[in-house]
């Protein structure tokens, strides 16, 4: 397990550029809300701790993880952020739907990173169980939202 020996909420603030002048977008899936709200909270807290102004953090909601790509694309066009964090949670069920949604979401976010000049950070949990998702959205493994926020700041600060 990739997170077994790594707390997703750990970062060295001294090695993170200031987010004071950055406009960061968060596109949040409404599916598995308990998980996505935890991820959002972790991301927002880290952005604020790294100097982002609350007025420069823009949140949009979309119905599910599959819709994250379009939501991120429209946010880039309309809000002009320095980076976007795509927040979602897909939990394996009894059908292949999980595989299709995970693959399409990952490919769509990858495509946005290739086609635009705005980094889009993949903060989509793809877990086998609800407990695994809870463990990664503020539970025993920390918060993937925190990790995604730090990645967004670093990527937005590249150029």
N, C-alpha and C. Protein backbone atom coordinates (compact mmCIF):
# COMPACT_ATOMS: atom_id res chain seq x y z
N UNK A 1 0.84 -1.17 0.00
CA UNK A 1 0.00 0.00 0.00
C UNK A 1 0.90 1.24 0.00
N UNK A 2 0.66 2.12 -0.96
CA UNK A 2 1.52 3.28 -1.16
C UNK A 2 1.52 4.24 0.03
N UNK A 3 0.42 4.35 0.73
CA UNK A 3 0.35 5.31 1.83
C UNK A 3 0.68 4.71 3.19
N UNK A 4 1.02 3.44 3.22
CA UNK A 4 1.26 2.78 4.51
C UNK A 4 2.36 3.45 5.33
N UNK A 5 3.40 3.95 4.67
CA UNK A 5 4.51 4.55 5.39
C UNK A 5 4.65 6.05 5.12
N UNK A 6 3.58 6.66 4.65
CA UNK A 6 3.62 8.08 4.30
C UNK A 6 2.32 8.74 4.72
N UNK A 7 2.39 9.77 5.55
CA UNK A 7 1.21 10.51 5.93
C UNK A 7 0.94 11.56 4.86
N UNK A 8 -0.23 11.50 4.25
CA UNK A 8 -0.58 12.39 3.15
C UNK A 8 -0.65 13.86 3.55
N UNK A 9 -0.76 14.11 4.84
CA UNK A 9 -0.86 15.49 5.32
C UNK A 9 0.50 16.11 5.67
N UNK A 10 1.56 15.33 5.57
CA UNK A 10 2.89 15.83 5.97
C UNK A 10 3.54 16.63 4.86
N UNK A 11 4.03 17.81 5.21
CA UNK A 11 4.83 18.59 4.28
C UNK A 11 5.68 19.56 5.07
N UNK A 12 6.79 19.95 4.48
CA UNK A 12 7.71 20.90 5.10
C UNK A 12 7.39 22.28 4.55
N UNK A 13 6.74 23.10 5.34
CA UNK A 13 6.29 24.42 4.89
C UNK A 13 7.46 25.26 4.37
N UNK A 14 8.65 25.03 4.88
CA UNK A 14 9.82 25.79 4.43
C UNK A 14 10.16 25.51 2.97
N UNK A 15 9.73 24.37 2.46
CA UNK A 15 10.03 23.99 1.08
C UNK A 15 8.85 24.21 0.14
N UNK A 16 7.85 24.96 0.59
CA UNK A 16 6.68 25.24 -0.23
C UNK A 16 6.67 26.73 -0.54
N UNK A 17 6.58 27.09 -1.83
CA UNK A 17 6.50 28.52 -2.16
C UNK A 17 5.26 29.16 -1.54
N UNK A 18 5.30 30.46 -1.37
CA UNK A 18 4.15 31.17 -0.84
C UNK A 18 3.00 31.12 -1.85
N UNK A 19 1.81 30.92 -1.33
CA UNK A 19 0.61 30.91 -2.18
C UNK A 19 -0.11 32.25 -2.15
N UNK A 20 0.53 33.26 -1.56
CA UNK A 20 -0.13 34.55 -1.34
C UNK A 20 -0.70 35.17 -2.62
N UNK A 21 0.01 35.05 -3.72
CA UNK A 21 -0.45 35.69 -4.96
C UNK A 21 -1.16 34.73 -5.91
N UNK A 22 -1.39 33.50 -5.46
CA UNK A 22 -1.98 32.49 -6.34
C UNK A 22 -3.50 32.45 -6.23
N UNK A 23 -4.13 32.20 -7.35
CA UNK A 23 -5.58 31.93 -7.42
C UNK A 23 -5.70 30.43 -7.70
N UNK A 24 -6.30 29.70 -6.78
CA UNK A 24 -6.39 28.25 -6.90
C UNK A 24 -7.85 27.84 -6.99
N UNK A 25 -8.16 27.02 -7.97
CA UNK A 25 -9.50 26.49 -8.14
C UNK A 25 -9.61 25.08 -7.58
N UNK A 26 -10.74 24.78 -7.00
CA UNK A 26 -11.03 23.43 -6.52
C UNK A 26 -12.36 23.00 -7.13
N UNK A 27 -12.33 21.93 -7.89
CA UNK A 27 -13.55 21.38 -8.47
C UNK A 27 -13.83 20.11 -7.69
N UNK A 28 -14.99 20.07 -7.02
CA UNK A 28 -15.29 19.03 -6.04
C UNK A 28 -16.49 18.20 -6.48
N UNK A 29 -16.31 16.90 -6.52
CA UNK A 29 -17.39 15.97 -6.84
C UNK A 29 -18.36 15.89 -5.67
N UNK A 30 -19.65 15.87 -5.99
CA UNK A 30 -20.68 15.72 -4.96
C UNK A 30 -20.96 14.25 -4.63
N UNK A 31 -20.35 13.33 -5.37
CA UNK A 31 -20.54 11.90 -5.11
C UNK A 31 -19.58 11.50 -4.00
N UNK A 32 -20.03 10.69 -3.07
CA UNK A 32 -19.24 10.33 -1.88
C UNK A 32 -18.85 11.59 -1.10
N UNK A 33 -19.85 12.40 -0.82
CA UNK A 33 -19.65 13.72 -0.21
C UNK A 33 -18.85 13.67 1.08
N UNK A 34 -19.07 12.68 1.90
CA UNK A 34 -18.32 12.58 3.16
C UNK A 34 -16.82 12.60 2.88
N UNK A 35 -16.42 11.92 1.82
CA UNK A 35 -15.01 11.83 1.46
C UNK A 35 -14.54 13.11 0.79
N UNK A 36 -15.30 13.59 -0.21
CA UNK A 36 -14.84 14.77 -0.96
C UNK A 36 -14.83 16.03 -0.09
N UNK A 37 -15.73 16.13 0.87
CA UNK A 37 -15.69 17.28 1.78
C UNK A 37 -14.45 17.22 2.67
N UNK A 38 -14.07 16.03 3.09
CA UNK A 38 -12.84 15.88 3.86
C UNK A 38 -11.62 16.28 3.05
N UNK A 39 -11.59 15.88 1.78
CA UNK A 39 -10.49 16.24 0.90
C UNK A 39 -10.45 17.76 0.67
N UNK A 40 -11.62 18.34 0.43
CA UNK A 40 -11.69 19.79 0.25
C UNK A 40 -11.17 20.52 1.48
N UNK A 41 -11.62 20.09 2.65
CA UNK A 41 -11.19 20.73 3.89
C UNK A 41 -9.67 20.66 4.05
N UNK A 42 -9.09 19.51 3.76
CA UNK A 42 -7.63 19.37 3.84
C UNK A 42 -6.91 20.29 2.87
N UNK A 43 -7.44 20.37 1.64
CA UNK A 43 -6.82 21.23 0.63
C UNK A 43 -6.93 22.70 1.01
N UNK A 44 -8.11 23.12 1.40
CA UNK A 44 -8.33 24.52 1.76
C UNK A 44 -7.44 24.93 2.94
N UNK A 45 -7.38 24.09 3.95
CA UNK A 45 -6.56 24.39 5.13
C UNK A 45 -5.09 24.55 4.75
N UNK A 46 -4.57 23.65 3.91
CA UNK A 46 -3.17 23.74 3.50
C UNK A 46 -2.92 24.99 2.66
N UNK A 47 -3.84 25.33 1.77
CA UNK A 47 -3.68 26.54 0.96
C UNK A 47 -3.60 27.78 1.85
N UNK A 48 -4.50 27.85 2.81
CA UNK A 48 -4.51 29.00 3.72
C UNK A 48 -3.24 29.04 4.58
N UNK A 49 -2.79 27.89 5.06
CA UNK A 49 -1.57 27.83 5.86
C UNK A 49 -0.34 28.27 5.06
N UNK A 50 -0.41 28.10 3.75
CA UNK A 50 0.72 28.48 2.89
C UNK A 50 0.56 29.87 2.30
N UNK A 51 -0.38 30.64 2.84
CA UNK A 51 -0.49 32.04 2.48
C UNK A 51 -1.56 32.41 1.48
N UNK A 52 -2.30 31.45 0.96
CA UNK A 52 -3.36 31.80 0.01
C UNK A 52 -4.41 32.66 0.69
N UNK A 53 -4.95 33.61 -0.04
CA UNK A 53 -6.04 34.42 0.47
C UNK A 53 -7.35 33.67 0.23
N UNK A 54 -8.23 33.69 1.21
CA UNK A 54 -9.51 32.98 1.07
C UNK A 54 -10.27 33.43 -0.17
N UNK A 55 -10.14 34.70 -0.53
CA UNK A 55 -10.85 35.23 -1.70
C UNK A 55 -10.25 34.72 -3.01
N UNK A 56 -9.04 34.13 -2.96
CA UNK A 56 -8.40 33.58 -4.15
C UNK A 56 -8.54 32.07 -4.25
N UNK A 57 -9.37 31.49 -3.39
CA UNK A 57 -9.68 30.06 -3.47
C UNK A 57 -11.10 29.96 -4.01
N UNK A 58 -11.22 29.38 -5.20
CA UNK A 58 -12.51 29.29 -5.88
C UNK A 58 -12.97 27.84 -5.90
N UNK A 59 -14.19 27.61 -5.45
CA UNK A 59 -14.74 26.25 -5.42
C UNK A 59 -15.94 26.14 -6.35
N UNK A 60 -15.91 25.08 -7.16
CA UNK A 60 -17.07 24.69 -7.96
C UNK A 60 -17.40 23.24 -7.63
N UNK A 61 -18.66 22.90 -7.61
CA UNK A 61 -19.09 21.52 -7.42
C UNK A 61 -19.56 20.93 -8.75
N UNK A 62 -19.32 19.64 -8.93
CA UNK A 62 -19.84 18.89 -10.07
C UNK A 62 -20.49 17.62 -9.53
N UNK A 63 -21.39 16.99 -10.30
CA UNK A 63 -22.11 15.83 -9.77
C UNK A 63 -21.25 14.65 -9.35
N UNK A 64 -20.25 14.29 -10.15
CA UNK A 64 -19.45 13.11 -9.83
C UNK A 64 -18.03 13.25 -10.35
N UNK A 65 -17.23 12.23 -10.13
CA UNK A 65 -15.82 12.28 -10.57
C UNK A 65 -15.70 12.33 -12.09
N UNK A 66 -16.59 11.65 -12.80
CA UNK A 66 -16.54 11.67 -14.26
C UNK A 66 -16.66 13.10 -14.79
N UNK A 67 -17.40 13.93 -14.09
CA UNK A 67 -17.62 15.32 -14.52
C UNK A 67 -16.50 16.27 -14.13
N UNK A 68 -15.51 15.79 -13.41
CA UNK A 68 -14.41 16.66 -12.97
C UNK A 68 -13.66 17.27 -14.15
N UNK A 69 -13.41 16.50 -15.20
CA UNK A 69 -12.65 17.01 -16.34
C UNK A 69 -13.32 18.23 -16.94
N UNK A 70 -14.60 18.13 -17.23
CA UNK A 70 -15.31 19.27 -17.82
C UNK A 70 -15.35 20.44 -16.85
N UNK A 71 -15.62 20.16 -15.58
CA UNK A 71 -15.64 21.23 -14.58
C UNK A 71 -14.30 21.96 -14.51
N UNK A 72 -13.20 21.21 -14.52
CA UNK A 72 -11.86 21.82 -14.48
C UNK A 72 -11.60 22.63 -15.74
N UNK A 73 -12.00 22.10 -16.88
CA UNK A 73 -11.81 22.81 -18.15
C UNK A 73 -12.55 24.15 -18.13
N UNK A 74 -13.82 24.14 -17.71
CA UNK A 74 -14.59 25.38 -17.66
C UNK A 74 -14.04 26.35 -16.62
N UNK A 75 -13.57 25.82 -15.50
CA UNK A 75 -12.99 26.70 -14.49
C UNK A 75 -11.75 27.40 -15.03
N UNK A 76 -10.91 26.67 -15.74
CA UNK A 76 -9.72 27.27 -16.35
C UNK A 76 -10.12 28.40 -17.28
N UNK A 77 -11.12 28.16 -18.11
CA UNK A 77 -11.57 29.16 -19.08
C UNK A 77 -12.19 30.38 -18.40
N UNK A 78 -13.00 30.16 -17.38
CA UNK A 78 -13.79 31.24 -16.81
C UNK A 78 -13.14 31.95 -15.62
N UNK A 79 -12.42 31.23 -14.80
CA UNK A 79 -11.87 31.80 -13.56
C UNK A 79 -10.39 32.17 -13.64
N UNK A 80 -9.70 31.65 -14.66
CA UNK A 80 -8.27 31.96 -14.87
C UNK A 80 -7.40 31.67 -13.64
N UNK A 81 -7.51 30.47 -13.07
CA UNK A 81 -6.70 30.15 -11.88
C UNK A 81 -5.25 29.85 -12.28
N UNK A 82 -4.37 29.87 -11.30
CA UNK A 82 -2.98 29.47 -11.50
C UNK A 82 -2.85 27.95 -11.46
N UNK A 83 -3.76 27.28 -10.78
CA UNK A 83 -3.81 25.81 -10.72
C UNK A 83 -5.23 25.40 -10.32
N UNK A 84 -5.58 24.17 -10.65
CA UNK A 84 -6.88 23.61 -10.29
C UNK A 84 -6.64 22.27 -9.62
N UNK A 85 -7.40 22.00 -8.58
CA UNK A 85 -7.36 20.69 -7.91
C UNK A 85 -8.69 20.00 -8.19
N UNK A 86 -8.64 18.83 -8.79
CA UNK A 86 -9.82 18.02 -9.08
C UNK A 86 -10.01 17.04 -7.92
N UNK A 87 -11.10 17.20 -7.17
CA UNK A 87 -11.34 16.41 -5.97
C UNK A 87 -12.51 15.45 -6.18
N UNK A 88 -12.22 14.16 -6.02
CA UNK A 88 -13.28 13.17 -6.19
C UNK A 88 -12.98 11.90 -5.40
N UNK A 89 -13.95 11.01 -5.41
CA UNK A 89 -13.81 9.73 -4.72
C UNK A 89 -14.64 8.69 -5.47
N UNK A 90 -13.96 7.63 -5.91
CA UNK A 90 -14.63 6.52 -6.58
C UNK A 90 -14.32 5.27 -5.76
N UNK A 91 -15.37 4.58 -5.33
CA UNK A 91 -15.20 3.39 -4.49
C UNK A 91 -15.71 2.19 -5.26
N UNK A 92 -14.87 1.16 -5.32
CA UNK A 92 -15.18 -0.03 -6.11
C UNK A 92 -16.51 -0.64 -5.68
N UNK A 93 -17.29 -1.00 -6.66
CA UNK A 93 -18.56 -1.69 -6.42
C UNK A 93 -18.50 -3.08 -7.04
N UNK A 94 -19.65 -3.58 -7.41
CA UNK A 94 -19.74 -4.94 -7.93
C UNK A 94 -19.67 -5.00 -9.45
N UNK A 95 -19.59 -3.86 -10.13
CA UNK A 95 -19.55 -3.86 -11.60
C UNK A 95 -18.27 -3.19 -12.09
N UNK A 96 -18.07 -3.19 -13.40
CA UNK A 96 -16.89 -2.59 -14.00
C UNK A 96 -16.98 -1.05 -14.07
N UNK A 97 -18.09 -0.49 -13.62
CA UNK A 97 -18.28 0.96 -13.65
C UNK A 97 -17.09 1.68 -13.01
N UNK A 98 -16.59 1.15 -11.90
CA UNK A 98 -15.44 1.71 -11.19
C UNK A 98 -14.26 1.89 -12.15
N UNK A 99 -13.95 0.85 -12.91
CA UNK A 99 -12.80 0.89 -13.82
C UNK A 99 -12.97 1.97 -14.89
N UNK A 100 -14.17 2.06 -15.44
CA UNK A 100 -14.41 3.04 -16.50
C UNK A 100 -14.34 4.47 -15.97
N UNK A 101 -14.94 4.72 -14.82
CA UNK A 101 -14.93 6.07 -14.25
C UNK A 101 -13.51 6.47 -13.86
N UNK A 102 -12.79 5.57 -13.21
CA UNK A 102 -11.41 5.89 -12.80
C UNK A 102 -10.53 6.18 -14.01
N UNK A 103 -10.61 5.34 -15.01
CA UNK A 103 -9.78 5.51 -16.20
C UNK A 103 -10.11 6.81 -16.93
N UNK A 104 -11.40 7.06 -17.16
CA UNK A 104 -11.80 8.26 -17.88
C UNK A 104 -11.42 9.52 -17.12
N UNK A 105 -11.58 9.50 -15.82
CA UNK A 105 -11.25 10.67 -15.00
C UNK A 105 -9.75 10.95 -15.03
N UNK A 106 -8.95 9.91 -14.85
CA UNK A 106 -7.50 10.08 -14.89
C UNK A 106 -7.04 10.56 -16.26
N UNK A 107 -7.57 9.96 -17.31
CA UNK A 107 -7.20 10.37 -18.68
C UNK A 107 -7.61 11.81 -18.95
N UNK A 108 -8.82 12.18 -18.53
CA UNK A 108 -9.31 13.54 -18.76
C UNK A 108 -8.46 14.58 -18.07
N UNK A 109 -8.09 14.31 -16.84
CA UNK A 109 -7.25 15.26 -16.10
C UNK A 109 -5.85 15.32 -16.71
N UNK A 110 -5.34 14.17 -17.13
CA UNK A 110 -4.05 14.16 -17.83
C UNK A 110 -4.13 15.00 -19.10
N UNK A 111 -5.21 14.84 -19.84
CA UNK A 111 -5.38 15.61 -21.09
C UNK A 111 -5.37 17.11 -20.83
N UNK A 112 -6.03 17.55 -19.76
CA UNK A 112 -6.03 18.97 -19.44
C UNK A 112 -4.61 19.47 -19.15
N UNK A 113 -3.81 18.64 -18.52
CA UNK A 113 -2.42 19.03 -18.22
C UNK A 113 -1.59 19.14 -19.50
N UNK A 114 -1.93 18.38 -20.50
CA UNK A 114 -1.21 18.43 -21.77
C UNK A 114 -1.71 19.60 -22.63
N UNK A 115 -3.01 19.85 -22.59
CA UNK A 115 -3.63 20.80 -23.52
C UNK A 115 -3.70 22.24 -23.00
N UNK A 116 -3.57 22.45 -21.69
CA UNK A 116 -3.64 23.81 -21.16
C UNK A 116 -2.33 24.16 -20.47
N UNK A 117 -2.19 25.41 -20.13
CA UNK A 117 -1.01 25.87 -19.40
C UNK A 117 -1.29 26.02 -17.91
N UNK A 118 -2.38 25.42 -17.45
CA UNK A 118 -2.75 25.46 -16.04
C UNK A 118 -2.63 24.06 -15.47
N UNK A 119 -1.82 23.87 -14.44
CA UNK A 119 -1.72 22.53 -13.85
C UNK A 119 -3.03 22.11 -13.19
N UNK A 120 -3.44 20.88 -13.48
CA UNK A 120 -4.64 20.30 -12.86
C UNK A 120 -4.16 19.13 -12.02
N UNK A 121 -4.40 19.22 -10.74
CA UNK A 121 -3.90 18.23 -9.78
C UNK A 121 -4.95 17.15 -9.55
N UNK A 122 -4.53 15.90 -9.64
CA UNK A 122 -5.41 14.74 -9.49
C UNK A 122 -5.55 14.41 -8.01
N UNK A 123 -6.69 14.77 -7.45
CA UNK A 123 -6.99 14.48 -6.04
C UNK A 123 -8.27 13.63 -6.02
N UNK A 124 -8.19 12.51 -6.72
CA UNK A 124 -9.33 11.60 -6.82
C UNK A 124 -8.93 10.29 -6.15
N UNK A 125 -9.60 9.97 -5.06
CA UNK A 125 -9.34 8.70 -4.40
C UNK A 125 -10.03 7.59 -5.18
N UNK A 126 -9.32 6.50 -5.41
CA UNK A 126 -9.87 5.34 -6.11
C UNK A 126 -9.64 4.12 -5.22
N UNK A 127 -10.56 3.94 -4.29
CA UNK A 127 -10.39 2.94 -3.24
C UNK A 127 -11.30 1.75 -3.42
N UNK A 128 -10.89 0.66 -2.79
CA UNK A 128 -11.71 -0.56 -2.81
C UNK A 128 -12.85 -0.49 -1.80
N UNK A 129 -12.66 0.25 -0.71
CA UNK A 129 -13.67 0.31 0.34
C UNK A 129 -13.85 1.74 0.85
N UNK A 130 -14.98 1.97 1.47
CA UNK A 130 -15.24 3.28 2.09
C UNK A 130 -14.22 3.55 3.18
N UNK A 131 -13.82 2.53 3.93
CA UNK A 131 -12.85 2.72 5.00
C UNK A 131 -11.52 3.21 4.45
N UNK A 132 -11.07 2.66 3.33
CA UNK A 132 -9.82 3.13 2.72
C UNK A 132 -9.95 4.61 2.34
N UNK A 133 -11.10 5.00 1.81
CA UNK A 133 -11.32 6.40 1.44
C UNK A 133 -11.29 7.30 2.68
N UNK A 134 -11.93 6.86 3.75
CA UNK A 134 -11.91 7.64 4.99
C UNK A 134 -10.50 7.79 5.53
N UNK A 135 -9.71 6.71 5.44
CA UNK A 135 -8.33 6.74 5.93
C UNK A 135 -7.47 7.75 5.17
N UNK A 136 -7.83 8.07 3.92
CA UNK A 136 -7.04 8.96 3.06
C UNK A 136 -7.65 10.36 2.92
N UNK A 137 -8.76 10.59 3.60
CA UNK A 137 -9.41 11.91 3.49
C UNK A 137 -9.51 12.57 4.86
N UNK A 138 -8.51 12.31 5.68
CA UNK A 138 -8.45 12.90 7.02
C UNK A 138 -8.32 11.85 8.11
N UNK A 139 -8.20 10.59 7.73
CA UNK A 139 -8.09 9.50 8.70
C UNK A 139 -6.65 9.12 8.98
N UNK A 140 -6.42 7.85 9.22
CA UNK A 140 -5.12 7.38 9.70
C UNK A 140 -3.96 7.58 8.72
N UNK A 141 -4.24 7.77 7.45
CA UNK A 141 -3.17 8.03 6.48
C UNK A 141 -3.03 9.51 6.15
N UNK A 142 -3.77 10.35 6.84
CA UNK A 142 -3.70 11.78 6.57
C UNK A 142 -4.75 12.20 5.56
N UNK A 143 -4.44 13.22 4.78
CA UNK A 143 -5.43 13.78 3.87
C UNK A 143 -4.81 14.05 2.50
N UNK A 144 -5.30 13.35 1.51
CA UNK A 144 -4.83 13.53 0.13
C UNK A 144 -5.10 14.96 -0.35
N UNK A 145 -6.12 15.62 0.19
CA UNK A 145 -6.40 17.00 -0.16
C UNK A 145 -5.25 17.93 0.21
N UNK A 146 -4.64 17.68 1.36
CA UNK A 146 -3.48 18.46 1.79
C UNK A 146 -2.34 18.27 0.79
N UNK A 147 -2.06 17.02 0.46
CA UNK A 147 -1.00 16.71 -0.50
C UNK A 147 -1.27 17.38 -1.85
N UNK A 148 -2.52 17.35 -2.30
CA UNK A 148 -2.87 17.96 -3.58
C UNK A 148 -2.69 19.48 -3.55
N UNK A 149 -3.02 20.11 -2.44
CA UNK A 149 -2.84 21.57 -2.32
C UNK A 149 -1.37 21.94 -2.43
N UNK A 150 -0.52 21.19 -1.78
CA UNK A 150 0.93 21.47 -1.84
C UNK A 150 1.42 21.27 -3.28
N UNK A 151 0.94 20.23 -3.94
CA UNK A 151 1.32 19.99 -5.33
C UNK A 151 0.84 21.15 -6.22
N UNK A 152 -0.37 21.65 -5.96
CA UNK A 152 -0.91 22.77 -6.75
C UNK A 152 -0.04 24.02 -6.58
N UNK A 153 0.34 24.32 -5.37
CA UNK A 153 1.19 25.49 -5.12
C UNK A 153 2.53 25.33 -5.83
N UNK A 154 3.13 24.18 -5.68
CA UNK A 154 4.44 23.96 -6.33
C UNK A 154 4.35 24.02 -7.85
N UNK A 155 3.30 23.43 -8.42
CA UNK A 155 3.16 23.44 -9.87
C UNK A 155 2.83 24.84 -10.39
N UNK A 156 1.98 25.57 -9.69
CA UNK A 156 1.64 26.93 -10.11
C UNK A 156 2.84 27.86 -10.02
N UNK A 157 3.79 27.53 -9.17
CA UNK A 157 4.97 28.37 -8.97
C UNK A 157 6.13 28.02 -9.90
N UNK A 158 5.95 27.06 -10.77
CA UNK A 158 7.03 26.65 -11.68
C UNK A 158 7.44 27.75 -12.65
N UNK A 159 6.50 28.49 -13.15
CA UNK A 159 6.86 29.43 -14.20
C UNK A 159 6.47 30.79 -13.87
